[in-house]
Protein backbone atom coordinates (compact mmCIF):
# COMPACT_ATOMS: atom_id res chain seq x y z
CA MET A 1 68.44 97.08 128.20
CA PRO A 2 71.58 97.35 126.01
CA GLN A 3 71.66 100.13 123.45
CA GLU A 4 71.92 99.33 119.77
CA VAL A 5 75.28 100.09 118.20
CA VAL A 6 75.55 101.77 114.80
CA LEU A 7 78.81 102.03 112.87
CA VAL A 8 78.83 105.11 110.62
CA VAL A 9 81.27 104.74 107.71
CA ASP A 10 81.70 107.99 105.79
CA ASP A 11 84.74 109.87 104.51
CA ASN A 12 82.97 113.25 104.79
CA PRO A 13 83.52 114.62 108.31
CA ASP A 14 80.45 116.89 108.14
CA GLN A 15 78.14 114.04 107.11
CA MET A 16 79.70 111.84 109.80
CA ALA A 17 79.08 114.51 112.45
CA ILE A 18 75.45 115.03 111.39
CA ALA A 19 74.65 111.31 111.27
CA SER A 20 76.41 110.65 114.58
CA ALA A 21 74.65 113.52 116.36
CA LEU A 22 71.23 112.38 115.14
CA LEU A 23 71.91 108.78 116.16
CA GLU A 24 73.22 109.72 119.60
CA HIS A 25 70.23 112.01 120.18
CA ALA A 26 67.95 109.07 119.32
CA GLY A 27 69.72 106.89 121.91
CA PHE A 28 72.07 104.83 119.77
CA VAL A 29 75.71 104.09 120.57
CA VAL A 30 77.76 105.36 117.65
CA LEU A 31 81.07 104.14 116.28
CA GLN A 32 82.75 106.16 113.53
CA ALA A 33 85.02 105.16 110.67
CA SER A 34 86.30 107.50 107.97
CA GLY A 35 86.67 104.71 105.42
CA ALA A 36 86.88 100.98 104.81
CA ALA A 37 90.23 100.43 106.55
CA ALA A 38 89.07 102.23 109.70
CA ALA A 39 85.80 100.28 109.62
CA ASP A 40 87.68 96.98 109.33
CA ALA A 41 89.76 97.88 112.38
CA LEU A 42 86.63 98.70 114.39
CA LEU A 43 84.97 95.44 113.36
CA ASP A 44 87.94 93.56 114.80
CA GLN A 45 86.81 94.86 118.22
CA HIS A 46 83.07 95.54 117.89
CA CYS A 47 80.08 93.94 116.22
CA PRO A 48 77.44 96.64 115.64
CA GLN A 49 73.82 95.86 114.93
CA LEU A 50 73.81 98.26 111.95
CA ILE A 51 76.32 99.76 109.57
CA LEU A 52 75.37 103.09 108.01
CA LEU A 53 77.53 102.98 104.89
CA ASP A 54 78.47 105.80 102.54
CA LEU A 55 78.77 104.40 99.03
CA ASN A 56 81.11 107.02 97.53
CA MET A 57 84.44 106.89 99.31
CA PRO A 58 87.83 107.47 97.64
CA GLU A 59 89.87 104.70 99.29
CA LYS A 60 87.37 101.92 98.58
CA SER A 61 83.74 102.27 97.57
CA GLY A 62 81.06 101.26 100.01
CA LEU A 63 79.85 98.63 97.55
CA ASP A 64 83.30 97.06 97.27
CA TRP A 65 83.70 97.04 101.04
CA LEU A 66 80.23 95.56 101.46
CA ARG A 67 81.20 92.64 99.21
CA GLU A 68 84.17 91.93 101.48
CA LEU A 69 82.12 92.41 104.64
CA ALA A 70 79.78 89.54 103.84
CA GLY A 71 82.56 87.06 104.60
CA ARG A 72 83.30 88.36 108.10
CA GLU A 73 82.05 86.27 111.00
CA CYS A 74 80.41 89.11 112.91
CA ALA A 75 78.57 90.29 109.77
CA ALA A 76 76.07 87.45 110.03
CA ASP A 77 73.94 89.38 112.53
CA MET A 78 74.47 92.89 111.15
CA ARG A 79 72.16 95.02 109.05
CA ILE A 80 73.30 97.48 106.39
CA ALA A 81 71.82 100.84 105.44
CA ALA A 82 73.29 102.64 102.44
CA TYR A 83 73.85 106.31 103.25
CA THR A 84 73.87 108.25 100.00
CA SER A 85 72.37 111.02 97.93
CA PHE A 86 72.40 108.69 94.92
CA GLY A 87 70.22 105.78 96.05
CA ASP A 88 68.44 105.62 92.70
CA VAL A 89 71.78 105.26 90.90
CA TYR A 90 72.80 102.30 93.07
CA ASP A 91 69.37 100.73 93.52
CA GLY A 92 70.00 97.69 91.30
CA GLN A 93 73.39 96.92 92.83
CA LEU A 94 72.10 97.35 96.36
CA ARG A 95 69.10 95.09 95.77
CA ALA A 96 71.35 92.43 94.20
CA MET A 97 73.45 92.53 97.38
CA GLY A 98 70.35 92.25 99.57
CA VAL A 99 70.46 95.83 100.86
CA ARG A 100 66.94 97.26 101.07
CA ALA A 101 67.57 100.18 103.42
CA VAL A 102 68.73 103.37 101.72
CA ILE A 103 68.93 106.57 103.75
CA ASP A 104 69.10 109.79 101.76
CA LYS A 105 71.75 112.23 102.97
CA GLY A 106 69.41 115.05 101.96
CA GLY A 107 66.47 113.84 104.06
CA THR A 108 65.09 115.37 107.22
CA PRO A 109 66.27 114.27 110.67
CA ARG A 110 62.95 112.49 111.16
CA GLN A 111 63.34 110.60 107.86
CA PHE A 112 66.89 109.71 108.85
CA ILE A 113 65.91 108.16 112.19
CA GLU A 114 62.89 106.40 110.66
CA GLY A 115 65.23 104.94 108.03
CA ILE A 116 67.61 103.73 110.73
CA ARG A 117 64.78 102.06 112.63
CA GLU A 118 63.48 100.40 109.45
CA ALA A 119 66.99 99.21 108.62
CA LEU A 120 67.26 97.60 112.05
CA GLN A 121 64.12 95.60 111.22
CA SER A 122 65.56 94.26 107.95
CA PRO A 123 67.13 90.79 107.73
CA PRO A 124 70.81 90.61 108.74
CA ILE A 125 73.51 89.99 106.16
CA GLY A 126 73.78 86.33 107.22
CA ALA A 127 70.09 85.72 106.57
CA ARG A 128 70.43 87.14 103.08
CA ALA A 129 73.44 84.95 102.33
CA GLN A 130 71.58 81.84 103.47
CA SER A 131 68.54 82.66 101.32
CA SER A 132 70.65 83.27 98.17
């Protein structure tokens, strides 16, 4: 049975390391990108089932990158989980973009993995675009 692939996009190396270690321990294949440009390059070669997306990045915000992502061919089958300590601040914007999964950077490892599993059960980006 193939393992599910998660792309972690976060400019904070410590947060990237924590998320990646938790995901790998739970049996996921992890790809890492330190920002939007690195994530774009990875998506040219891979099509992960889930993107764990930091919203506050200096080069390009996660929200801005998410808007661009919706037009990519491989995005049709991907799910998105916002990875932030400010989910309540972005709640309206995330809901408007069809993102329902928000994983708190301050949560426990158990909450983190439960959030990932719930995110993988959410509709893919393509399904949201078709229902809009």
